[in-house]
């Protein structure tokens, strides 16, 4: 199961890197669309705006740069301001191991079960490590913990939250 999750993460990272490095030509995507976008045609309810969580629009606004055959994040001030501070993030759970309760999972901006939603790359997910297990749910969850902005993660992740707890 862990290998499947790592393979999925690698595919998402590669897809995001290709999408961000290949020119779109004359195609202009409207604001609020593209990777990590939750379509209004989706049968799943989109995330409700909350003033107490970091908006995905801040996390997904990261730029990238190519360096030695790798794509690395180029964070702006909005993302860097979150580093090593306690933050809240809302999203959909992507378990990394089997089981009803999870202590290590990815939180994504769109549900993985939504065929109408465009999956994002590493800018659209946060690795979560919790103090106590969180019950898996297909509904959005909110977690709070120490947030880290990752400049050169070996797995290609851009964000990690540790010492997290589920929030109602």
N, C-alpha and C. Protein backbone atom coordinates (compact mmCIF):
# COMPACT_ATOMS: atom_id res chain seq x y z
N UNK A 1 0.83 -1.19 0.00
CA UNK A 1 0.00 0.00 0.00
C UNK A 1 0.88 1.26 0.00
N UNK A 2 1.97 1.23 0.80
CA UNK A 2 2.86 2.38 0.86
C UNK A 2 3.49 2.64 -0.50
N UNK A 3 3.88 1.57 -1.20
CA UNK A 3 4.48 1.72 -2.51
C UNK A 3 3.49 2.30 -3.50
N UNK A 4 2.22 1.90 -3.40
CA UNK A 4 1.20 2.44 -4.29
C UNK A 4 1.02 3.93 -4.05
N UNK A 5 1.04 4.34 -2.79
CA UNK A 5 0.90 5.76 -2.47
C UNK A 5 2.10 6.55 -2.97
N UNK A 6 3.28 6.00 -2.83
CA UNK A 6 4.49 6.68 -3.31
C UNK A 6 4.46 6.78 -4.83
N UNK A 7 4.01 5.70 -5.50
CA UNK A 7 3.91 5.73 -6.96
C UNK A 7 2.90 6.78 -7.41
N UNK A 8 1.76 6.87 -6.70
CA UNK A 8 0.76 7.88 -7.04
C UNK A 8 1.32 9.27 -6.83
N UNK A 9 2.01 9.47 -5.72
CA UNK A 9 2.60 10.78 -5.45
C UNK A 9 3.62 11.14 -6.52
N UNK A 10 4.42 10.16 -6.94
CA UNK A 10 5.40 10.41 -8.00
C UNK A 10 4.72 10.79 -9.30
N UNK A 11 3.64 10.10 -9.63
CA UNK A 11 2.91 10.41 -10.87
C UNK A 11 2.31 11.80 -10.79
N UNK A 12 1.75 12.16 -9.64
CA UNK A 12 1.19 13.50 -9.48
C UNK A 12 2.27 14.55 -9.58
N UNK A 13 3.43 14.28 -9.00
CA UNK A 13 4.54 15.23 -9.06
C UNK A 13 5.00 15.41 -10.48
N UNK A 14 5.16 14.31 -11.21
CA UNK A 14 5.59 14.40 -12.60
C UNK A 14 4.55 15.13 -13.44
N UNK A 15 3.27 14.80 -13.25
CA UNK A 15 2.21 15.47 -14.00
C UNK A 15 2.18 16.96 -13.73
N UNK A 16 2.35 17.34 -12.47
CA UNK A 16 2.37 18.75 -12.12
C UNK A 16 3.58 19.44 -12.72
N UNK A 17 4.73 18.77 -12.67
CA UNK A 17 5.95 19.36 -13.22
C UNK A 17 5.80 19.57 -14.72
N UNK A 18 5.26 18.60 -15.41
CA UNK A 18 5.07 18.75 -16.86
C UNK A 18 4.08 19.85 -17.18
N UNK A 19 3.00 19.91 -16.42
CA UNK A 19 1.99 20.94 -16.67
C UNK A 19 2.55 22.33 -16.43
N UNK A 20 3.49 22.46 -15.48
CA UNK A 20 4.01 23.77 -15.16
C UNK A 20 5.20 24.16 -16.02
N UNK A 21 5.81 23.20 -16.69
CA UNK A 21 6.99 23.53 -17.48
C UNK A 21 6.70 23.55 -18.98
N UNK A 22 5.59 22.97 -19.42
CA UNK A 22 5.26 22.99 -20.82
C UNK A 22 4.36 24.17 -21.12
N UNK A 23 4.66 24.95 -22.14
CA UNK A 23 3.82 26.09 -22.45
C UNK A 23 2.44 25.64 -22.90
N UNK A 24 1.44 26.41 -22.54
CA UNK A 24 0.08 26.10 -22.93
C UNK A 24 -0.29 26.73 -24.25
N UNK A 25 0.64 27.41 -24.89
CA UNK A 25 0.34 28.06 -26.16
C UNK A 25 -0.65 29.18 -25.95
N UNK A 26 -1.70 29.18 -26.75
CA UNK A 26 -2.67 30.26 -26.66
C UNK A 26 -3.80 29.94 -25.69
N UNK A 27 -3.71 28.81 -24.98
CA UNK A 27 -4.76 28.43 -24.04
C UNK A 27 -4.54 29.17 -22.73
N UNK A 28 -5.52 29.93 -22.32
CA UNK A 28 -5.49 30.58 -21.01
C UNK A 28 -6.54 29.93 -20.14
N UNK A 29 -6.11 29.36 -19.01
CA UNK A 29 -7.05 28.76 -18.09
C UNK A 29 -7.68 29.86 -17.25
N UNK A 30 -8.99 29.81 -17.06
CA UNK A 30 -9.62 30.82 -16.21
C UNK A 30 -9.14 30.69 -14.77
N UNK A 31 -9.15 31.80 -14.07
CA UNK A 31 -8.76 31.79 -12.66
C UNK A 31 -9.65 30.80 -11.91
N UNK A 32 -9.06 30.06 -10.98
CA UNK A 32 -9.82 29.10 -10.21
C UNK A 32 -10.02 27.78 -10.92
N UNK A 33 -9.23 27.49 -11.95
CA UNK A 33 -9.31 26.21 -12.63
C UNK A 33 -7.91 25.64 -12.73
N UNK A 34 -7.76 24.45 -13.32
CA UNK A 34 -6.46 23.82 -13.44
C UNK A 34 -6.25 22.79 -12.34
N UNK A 35 -5.00 22.34 -12.14
CA UNK A 35 -4.73 21.30 -11.16
C UNK A 35 -5.23 21.70 -9.76
N UNK A 36 -5.85 20.75 -9.08
CA UNK A 36 -6.38 20.98 -7.75
C UNK A 36 -7.73 21.67 -7.75
N UNK A 37 -8.36 21.79 -8.92
CA UNK A 37 -9.64 22.48 -9.04
C UNK A 37 -10.79 21.52 -8.81
N UNK A 38 -11.77 21.94 -8.04
CA UNK A 38 -12.97 21.15 -7.74
C UNK A 38 -14.10 21.67 -8.61
N UNK A 39 -14.51 20.88 -9.58
CA UNK A 39 -15.53 21.29 -10.54
C UNK A 39 -16.90 21.44 -9.88
N UNK A 40 -17.67 22.46 -10.28
CA UNK A 40 -19.03 22.58 -9.75
C UNK A 40 -19.93 21.45 -10.25
N UNK A 41 -19.52 20.71 -11.29
CA UNK A 41 -20.30 19.57 -11.79
C UNK A 41 -20.08 18.31 -10.96
N UNK A 42 -19.16 18.38 -10.02
CA UNK A 42 -18.84 17.23 -9.19
C UNK A 42 -20.02 16.85 -8.30
N UNK A 43 -20.25 15.53 -8.12
CA UNK A 43 -21.29 15.10 -7.19
C UNK A 43 -20.87 15.29 -5.73
N UNK A 44 -19.59 15.59 -5.50
CA UNK A 44 -19.08 15.82 -4.15
C UNK A 44 -19.13 17.31 -3.85
N UNK A 45 -19.50 17.65 -2.64
CA UNK A 45 -19.55 19.06 -2.25
C UNK A 45 -18.13 19.62 -2.20
N UNK A 46 -17.93 20.82 -2.74
CA UNK A 46 -16.59 21.43 -2.64
C UNK A 46 -16.30 21.84 -1.20
N UNK A 47 -15.06 22.12 -0.94
CA UNK A 47 -14.68 22.57 0.40
C UNK A 47 -15.37 23.90 0.70
N UNK A 48 -15.96 23.99 1.87
CA UNK A 48 -16.57 25.24 2.31
C UNK A 48 -15.47 26.20 2.73
N UNK A 49 -15.57 27.45 2.30
CA UNK A 49 -14.59 28.46 2.70
C UNK A 49 -14.61 28.60 4.22
N UNK A 50 -13.45 28.63 4.82
CA UNK A 50 -13.31 28.81 6.26
C UNK A 50 -12.22 29.83 6.51
N UNK A 51 -12.49 30.76 7.39
CA UNK A 51 -11.51 31.80 7.69
C UNK A 51 -10.40 31.29 8.62
N UNK A 52 -10.61 30.12 9.24
CA UNK A 52 -9.63 29.60 10.20
C UNK A 52 -8.67 28.58 9.61
N UNK A 53 -8.67 28.41 8.28
CA UNK A 53 -7.74 27.48 7.64
C UNK A 53 -6.95 28.20 6.55
N UNK A 54 -5.78 27.65 6.23
CA UNK A 54 -4.97 28.19 5.13
C UNK A 54 -5.71 27.86 3.84
N UNK A 55 -6.00 28.85 3.01
CA UNK A 55 -6.70 28.56 1.76
C UNK A 55 -5.80 27.82 0.77
N UNK A 56 -6.39 26.88 0.04
CA UNK A 56 -5.62 26.16 -0.98
C UNK A 56 -5.10 27.10 -2.04
N UNK A 57 -5.77 28.21 -2.26
CA UNK A 57 -5.30 29.16 -3.27
C UNK A 57 -3.92 29.70 -2.90
N UNK A 58 -3.60 29.79 -1.61
CA UNK A 58 -2.26 30.22 -1.17
C UNK A 58 -1.25 29.11 -1.43
N UNK A 59 -1.62 27.87 -1.09
CA UNK A 59 -0.68 26.76 -1.25
C UNK A 59 -0.42 26.45 -2.71
N UNK A 60 -1.43 26.54 -3.55
CA UNK A 60 -1.25 26.18 -4.96
C UNK A 60 -0.64 27.30 -5.79
N UNK A 61 -0.46 28.47 -5.24
CA UNK A 61 0.10 29.61 -5.98
C UNK A 61 1.62 29.56 -6.07
N UNK A 62 2.23 28.46 -5.66
CA UNK A 62 3.69 28.33 -5.71
C UNK A 62 4.16 28.18 -7.16
N UNK A 63 5.28 28.78 -7.47
CA UNK A 63 5.91 28.64 -8.79
C UNK A 63 6.96 27.54 -8.71
N UNK A 64 7.47 27.09 -9.84
CA UNK A 64 8.52 26.07 -9.85
C UNK A 64 9.70 26.52 -10.69
N UNK A 65 10.82 25.84 -10.46
CA UNK A 65 12.02 26.11 -11.24
C UNK A 65 12.73 24.78 -11.52
N UNK A 66 13.38 24.72 -12.66
CA UNK A 66 14.15 23.51 -13.01
C UNK A 66 15.57 23.68 -12.50
N UNK A 67 16.07 22.62 -11.84
CA UNK A 67 17.42 22.65 -11.31
C UNK A 67 18.01 21.25 -11.36
N UNK A 68 19.04 21.06 -12.17
CA UNK A 68 19.71 19.76 -12.29
C UNK A 68 18.72 18.63 -12.59
N UNK A 69 17.93 18.78 -13.63
CA UNK A 69 16.95 17.77 -14.06
C UNK A 69 15.86 17.50 -13.04
N UNK A 70 15.61 18.43 -12.17
CA UNK A 70 14.55 18.30 -11.17
C UNK A 70 13.69 19.55 -11.19
N UNK A 71 12.45 19.40 -10.80
CA UNK A 71 11.56 20.54 -10.65
C UNK A 71 11.43 20.82 -9.15
N UNK A 72 11.82 22.03 -8.75
CA UNK A 72 11.77 22.42 -7.34
C UNK A 72 10.81 23.58 -7.16
N UNK A 73 10.22 23.68 -5.96
CA UNK A 73 9.32 24.80 -5.71
C UNK A 73 10.08 26.11 -5.54
N UNK A 74 9.45 27.18 -5.94
CA UNK A 74 9.98 28.53 -5.74
C UNK A 74 8.90 29.29 -4.97
N UNK A 75 8.96 29.21 -3.65
CA UNK A 75 7.91 29.75 -2.79
C UNK A 75 7.95 31.27 -2.75
N UNK A 76 6.77 31.86 -2.64
CA UNK A 76 6.64 33.30 -2.46
C UNK A 76 6.45 33.62 -0.99
N UNK A 77 6.31 34.88 -0.69
CA UNK A 77 6.12 35.31 0.71
C UNK A 77 4.89 34.70 1.37
N UNK A 78 3.75 34.55 0.65
CA UNK A 78 2.58 33.96 1.33
C UNK A 78 2.84 32.54 1.83
N UNK A 79 3.56 31.74 1.06
CA UNK A 79 3.86 30.38 1.51
C UNK A 79 4.94 30.38 2.59
N UNK A 80 5.98 31.18 2.42
CA UNK A 80 7.08 31.22 3.40
C UNK A 80 6.61 31.72 4.76
N UNK A 81 5.57 32.55 4.78
CA UNK A 81 5.05 33.07 6.05
C UNK A 81 4.41 31.97 6.90
N UNK A 82 4.07 30.84 6.31
CA UNK A 82 3.44 29.72 7.03
C UNK A 82 4.46 28.82 7.72
N UNK A 83 5.72 28.89 7.30
CA UNK A 83 6.75 27.95 7.73
C UNK A 83 7.00 27.95 9.24
N UNK A 84 6.98 26.75 9.79
CA UNK A 84 7.26 26.48 11.21
C UNK A 84 6.29 27.18 12.16
N UNK A 85 5.08 27.43 11.70
CA UNK A 85 4.04 28.01 12.54
C UNK A 85 2.87 27.04 12.61
N UNK A 86 2.11 27.13 13.68
CA UNK A 86 0.92 26.29 13.81
C UNK A 86 -0.13 26.83 12.85
N UNK A 87 -0.64 25.94 12.00
CA UNK A 87 -1.63 26.30 10.99
C UNK A 87 -2.74 25.26 10.98
N UNK A 88 -3.84 25.62 10.34
CA UNK A 88 -4.93 24.68 10.07
C UNK A 88 -5.08 24.54 8.57
N UNK A 89 -5.33 23.30 8.14
CA UNK A 89 -5.56 23.01 6.72
C UNK A 89 -6.78 22.10 6.63
N UNK A 90 -7.59 22.35 5.62
CA UNK A 90 -8.79 21.56 5.37
C UNK A 90 -8.62 20.83 4.04
N UNK A 91 -9.01 19.57 3.99
CA UNK A 91 -8.91 18.84 2.73
C UNK A 91 -9.46 17.44 2.85
N UNK A 92 -9.13 16.64 1.83
CA UNK A 92 -9.61 15.27 1.72
C UNK A 92 -8.45 14.32 2.02
N UNK A 93 -8.74 13.28 2.82
CA UNK A 93 -7.71 12.33 3.24
C UNK A 93 -7.34 11.37 2.11
N UNK A 94 -6.04 11.16 1.95
CA UNK A 94 -5.53 10.11 1.08
C UNK A 94 -4.64 9.24 1.96
N UNK A 95 -5.17 8.10 2.43
CA UNK A 95 -4.40 7.25 3.33
C UNK A 95 -3.13 6.73 2.67
N UNK A 96 -2.10 6.57 3.47
CA UNK A 96 -0.84 6.01 2.99
C UNK A 96 -0.66 4.58 3.46
N UNK A 97 -1.52 4.14 4.38
CA UNK A 97 -1.47 2.78 4.89
C UNK A 97 -2.89 2.28 5.09
N UNK A 98 -3.09 0.96 5.13
CA UNK A 98 -4.44 0.45 5.36
C UNK A 98 -4.89 0.73 6.79
N UNK A 99 -6.19 0.73 7.00
CA UNK A 99 -6.73 0.89 8.34
C UNK A 99 -7.78 1.97 8.42
N UNK A 100 -8.63 1.83 9.42
CA UNK A 100 -9.71 2.79 9.63
C UNK A 100 -9.20 4.11 10.19
N UNK A 101 -8.13 4.05 10.97
CA UNK A 101 -7.56 5.26 11.57
C UNK A 101 -6.16 5.49 11.00
N UNK A 102 -5.84 6.74 10.78
CA UNK A 102 -4.59 7.11 10.12
C UNK A 102 -3.79 8.10 10.97
N UNK A 103 -2.48 7.87 11.06
CA UNK A 103 -1.58 8.82 11.71
C UNK A 103 -0.67 9.51 10.69
N UNK A 104 -0.62 8.95 9.47
CA UNK A 104 0.23 9.49 8.41
C UNK A 104 -0.55 9.40 7.11
N UNK A 105 -0.89 10.56 6.53
CA UNK A 105 -1.69 10.57 5.31
C UNK A 105 -1.42 11.86 4.55
N UNK A 106 -1.94 11.91 3.35
CA UNK A 106 -1.89 13.15 2.57
C UNK A 106 -3.25 13.81 2.65
N UNK A 107 -3.24 15.10 2.73
CA UNK A 107 -4.47 15.88 2.67
C UNK A 107 -4.45 16.58 1.32
N UNK A 108 -5.51 16.40 0.53
CA UNK A 108 -5.54 16.93 -0.83
C UNK A 108 -6.64 17.98 -0.98
N UNK A 109 -6.49 18.81 -2.00
CA UNK A 109 -7.46 19.89 -2.22
C UNK A 109 -8.74 19.41 -2.88
N UNK A 110 -8.70 18.26 -3.53
CA UNK A 110 -9.89 17.68 -4.17
C UNK A 110 -10.00 16.22 -3.77
N UNK A 111 -11.23 15.68 -3.74
CA UNK A 111 -11.36 14.25 -3.39
C UNK A 111 -10.80 13.38 -4.51
N UNK A 112 -10.11 12.32 -4.15
CA UNK A 112 -9.53 11.43 -5.14
C UNK A 112 -10.59 10.64 -5.88
N UNK A 113 -11.79 10.57 -5.31
CA UNK A 113 -12.87 9.79 -5.92
C UNK A 113 -13.69 10.61 -6.91
N UNK A 114 -13.31 11.86 -7.14
CA UNK A 114 -14.10 12.75 -8.00
C UNK A 114 -13.54 12.76 -9.42
N UNK A 115 -14.29 12.19 -10.36
CA UNK A 115 -13.82 12.16 -11.75
C UNK A 115 -13.97 13.51 -12.43
N UNK A 116 -14.69 14.44 -11.81
CA UNK A 116 -14.89 15.78 -12.37
C UNK A 116 -13.81 16.75 -11.91
N UNK A 117 -13.01 16.35 -10.93
CA UNK A 117 -12.03 17.24 -10.33
C UNK A 117 -10.65 16.97 -10.92
N UNK A 118 -9.92 18.03 -11.19
CA UNK A 118 -8.58 17.88 -11.73
C UNK A 118 -7.60 17.71 -10.58
N UNK A 119 -6.93 16.55 -10.50
CA UNK A 119 -5.96 16.37 -9.41
C UNK A 119 -4.78 17.31 -9.62
N UNK A 120 -4.28 17.80 -8.55
CA UNK A 120 -3.11 18.66 -8.62
C UNK A 120 -1.85 17.86 -8.34
N UNK A 121 -0.76 18.55 -8.33
CA UNK A 121 0.52 17.94 -8.00
C UNK A 121 0.86 18.20 -6.55
N UNK A 122 2.13 18.31 -6.24
CA UNK A 122 2.55 18.49 -4.86
C UNK A 122 2.07 19.81 -4.25
N UNK A 123 1.71 20.78 -5.09
CA UNK A 123 1.18 22.04 -4.56
C UNK A 123 -0.24 21.88 -4.03
N UNK A 124 -0.89 20.76 -4.34
CA UNK A 124 -2.28 20.53 -3.96
C UNK A 124 -2.42 19.46 -2.89
N UNK A 125 -1.34 19.20 -2.14
CA UNK A 125 -1.40 18.22 -1.07
C UNK A 125 -0.43 18.60 0.05
N UNK A 126 -0.78 18.15 1.24
CA UNK A 126 0.06 18.36 2.41
C UNK A 126 0.23 17.00 3.09
N UNK A 127 1.47 16.63 3.38
CA UNK A 127 1.73 15.41 4.14
C UNK A 127 1.39 15.71 5.60
N UNK A 128 0.61 14.83 6.21
CA UNK A 128 0.15 15.03 7.59
C UNK A 128 0.68 13.89 8.46
N UNK A 129 1.26 14.26 9.60
CA UNK A 129 1.66 13.30 10.63
C UNK A 129 0.99 13.75 11.92
N UNK A 130 0.07 12.91 12.44
CA UNK A 130 -0.71 13.30 13.61
C UNK A 130 -0.18 12.70 14.90
N UNK A 131 -0.55 13.34 16.01
CA UNK A 131 -0.20 12.82 17.33
C UNK A 131 -1.06 11.60 17.65
N UNK A 132 -2.35 11.70 17.35
CA UNK A 132 -3.29 10.60 17.57
C UNK A 132 -3.97 10.25 16.25
N UNK A 133 -4.37 8.99 16.08
CA UNK A 133 -4.98 8.58 14.81
C UNK A 133 -6.26 9.35 14.51
N UNK A 134 -6.48 9.58 13.21
CA UNK A 134 -7.67 10.26 12.72
C UNK A 134 -8.47 9.24 11.93
N UNK A 135 -9.77 9.16 12.20
CA UNK A 135 -10.62 8.21 11.49
C UNK A 135 -10.73 8.63 10.03
N UNK A 136 -10.52 7.67 9.13
CA UNK A 136 -10.61 7.94 7.70
C UNK A 136 -12.03 8.36 7.34
N UNK A 137 -12.13 9.34 6.48
CA UNK A 137 -13.42 9.83 6.02
C UNK A 137 -13.31 10.30 4.59
N UNK A 138 -14.37 10.14 3.83
CA UNK A 138 -14.41 10.69 2.47
C UNK A 138 -14.87 12.14 2.50
N UNK A 139 -15.32 12.58 3.66
CA UNK A 139 -15.71 13.97 3.86
C UNK A 139 -14.47 14.79 4.18
N UNK A 140 -14.50 16.10 3.95
CA UNK A 140 -13.33 16.93 4.28
C UNK A 140 -13.02 16.89 5.78
N UNK A 141 -11.75 16.98 6.10
CA UNK A 141 -11.30 17.05 7.48
C UNK A 141 -10.43 18.29 7.65
N UNK A 142 -10.34 18.76 8.88
CA UNK A 142 -9.48 19.89 9.22
C UNK A 142 -8.47 19.39 10.23
N UNK A 143 -7.20 19.68 9.99
CA UNK A 143 -6.15 19.32 10.93
C UNK A 143 -5.34 20.57 11.27
N UNK A 144 -4.80 20.55 12.48
CA UNK A 144 -3.98 21.67 12.96
C UNK A 144 -2.66 21.10 13.45
N UNK A 145 -1.56 21.75 13.07
CA UNK A 145 -0.25 21.31 13.51
C UNK A 145 0.82 22.26 13.03
N UNK A 146 2.07 21.88 13.30
CA UNK A 146 3.21 22.71 12.87
C UNK A 146 3.46 22.49 11.39
N UNK A 147 3.36 23.57 10.63
CA UNK A 147 3.41 23.52 9.17
C UNK A 147 4.83 23.77 8.69
N UNK A 148 5.27 22.99 7.71
CA UNK A 148 6.61 23.18 7.14
C UNK A 148 6.51 23.35 5.63
N UNK A 149 7.26 24.31 5.12
CA UNK A 149 7.40 24.55 3.69
C UNK A 149 8.70 23.86 3.29
N UNK A 150 8.62 22.92 2.34
CA UNK A 150 9.75 22.05 2.00
C UNK A 150 10.40 22.49 0.70
N UNK A 151 11.65 22.88 0.75
CA UNK A 151 12.35 23.37 -0.44
C UNK A 151 12.89 22.26 -1.33
N UNK A 152 13.27 21.12 -0.73
CA UNK A 152 13.91 20.07 -1.51
C UNK A 152 13.62 18.70 -0.89
N UNK A 153 12.35 18.35 -0.81
CA UNK A 153 11.95 17.08 -0.20
C UNK A 153 12.30 15.92 -1.12
N UNK A 154 12.86 14.82 -0.60
CA UNK A 154 13.23 13.70 -1.46
C UNK A 154 12.04 13.05 -2.17
N UNK A 155 10.84 13.19 -1.63
CA UNK A 155 9.64 12.62 -2.26
C UNK A 155 8.93 13.62 -3.17
N UNK A 156 9.44 14.82 -3.26
CA UNK A 156 8.84 15.83 -4.12
C UNK A 156 7.69 16.59 -3.48
N UNK A 157 7.51 16.44 -2.18
CA UNK A 157 6.45 17.16 -1.48
C UNK A 157 6.83 18.62 -1.28
N UNK A 158 5.83 19.48 -1.22
CA UNK A 158 6.07 20.90 -0.97
C UNK A 158 5.72 21.31 0.46
N UNK A 159 4.79 20.56 1.09
CA UNK A 159 4.31 20.94 2.42
C UNK A 159 4.17 19.72 3.32
N UNK A 160 4.43 19.94 4.63
CA UNK A 160 4.27 18.88 5.63
C UNK A 160 3.74 19.52 6.91
N UNK A 161 2.88 18.79 7.60
CA UNK A 161 2.38 19.20 8.91
C UNK A 161 2.68 18.08 9.88
N UNK A 162 3.31 18.44 11.02
CA UNK A 162 3.63 17.45 12.04
C UNK A 162 2.97 17.83 13.34
N UNK A 163 2.92 16.85 14.27
CA UNK A 163 2.28 17.04 15.57
C UNK A 163 0.86 17.57 15.39
N UNK A 164 0.18 17.03 14.39
CA UNK A 164 -1.17 17.51 14.05
C UNK A 164 -2.25 16.81 14.86
N UNK A 165 -3.39 17.48 14.95
CA UNK A 165 -4.59 16.95 15.57
C UNK A 165 -5.78 17.30 14.69
N UNK A 166 -6.77 16.42 14.68
CA UNK A 166 -8.00 16.71 13.95
C UNK A 166 -8.76 17.82 14.70
N UNK A 167 -9.42 18.68 13.93
CA UNK A 167 -10.18 19.79 14.49
C UNK A 167 -11.62 19.64 14.01
N UNK A 168 -12.55 19.90 14.87
CA UNK A 168 -13.98 19.81 14.50
C UNK A 168 -14.39 21.01 13.69
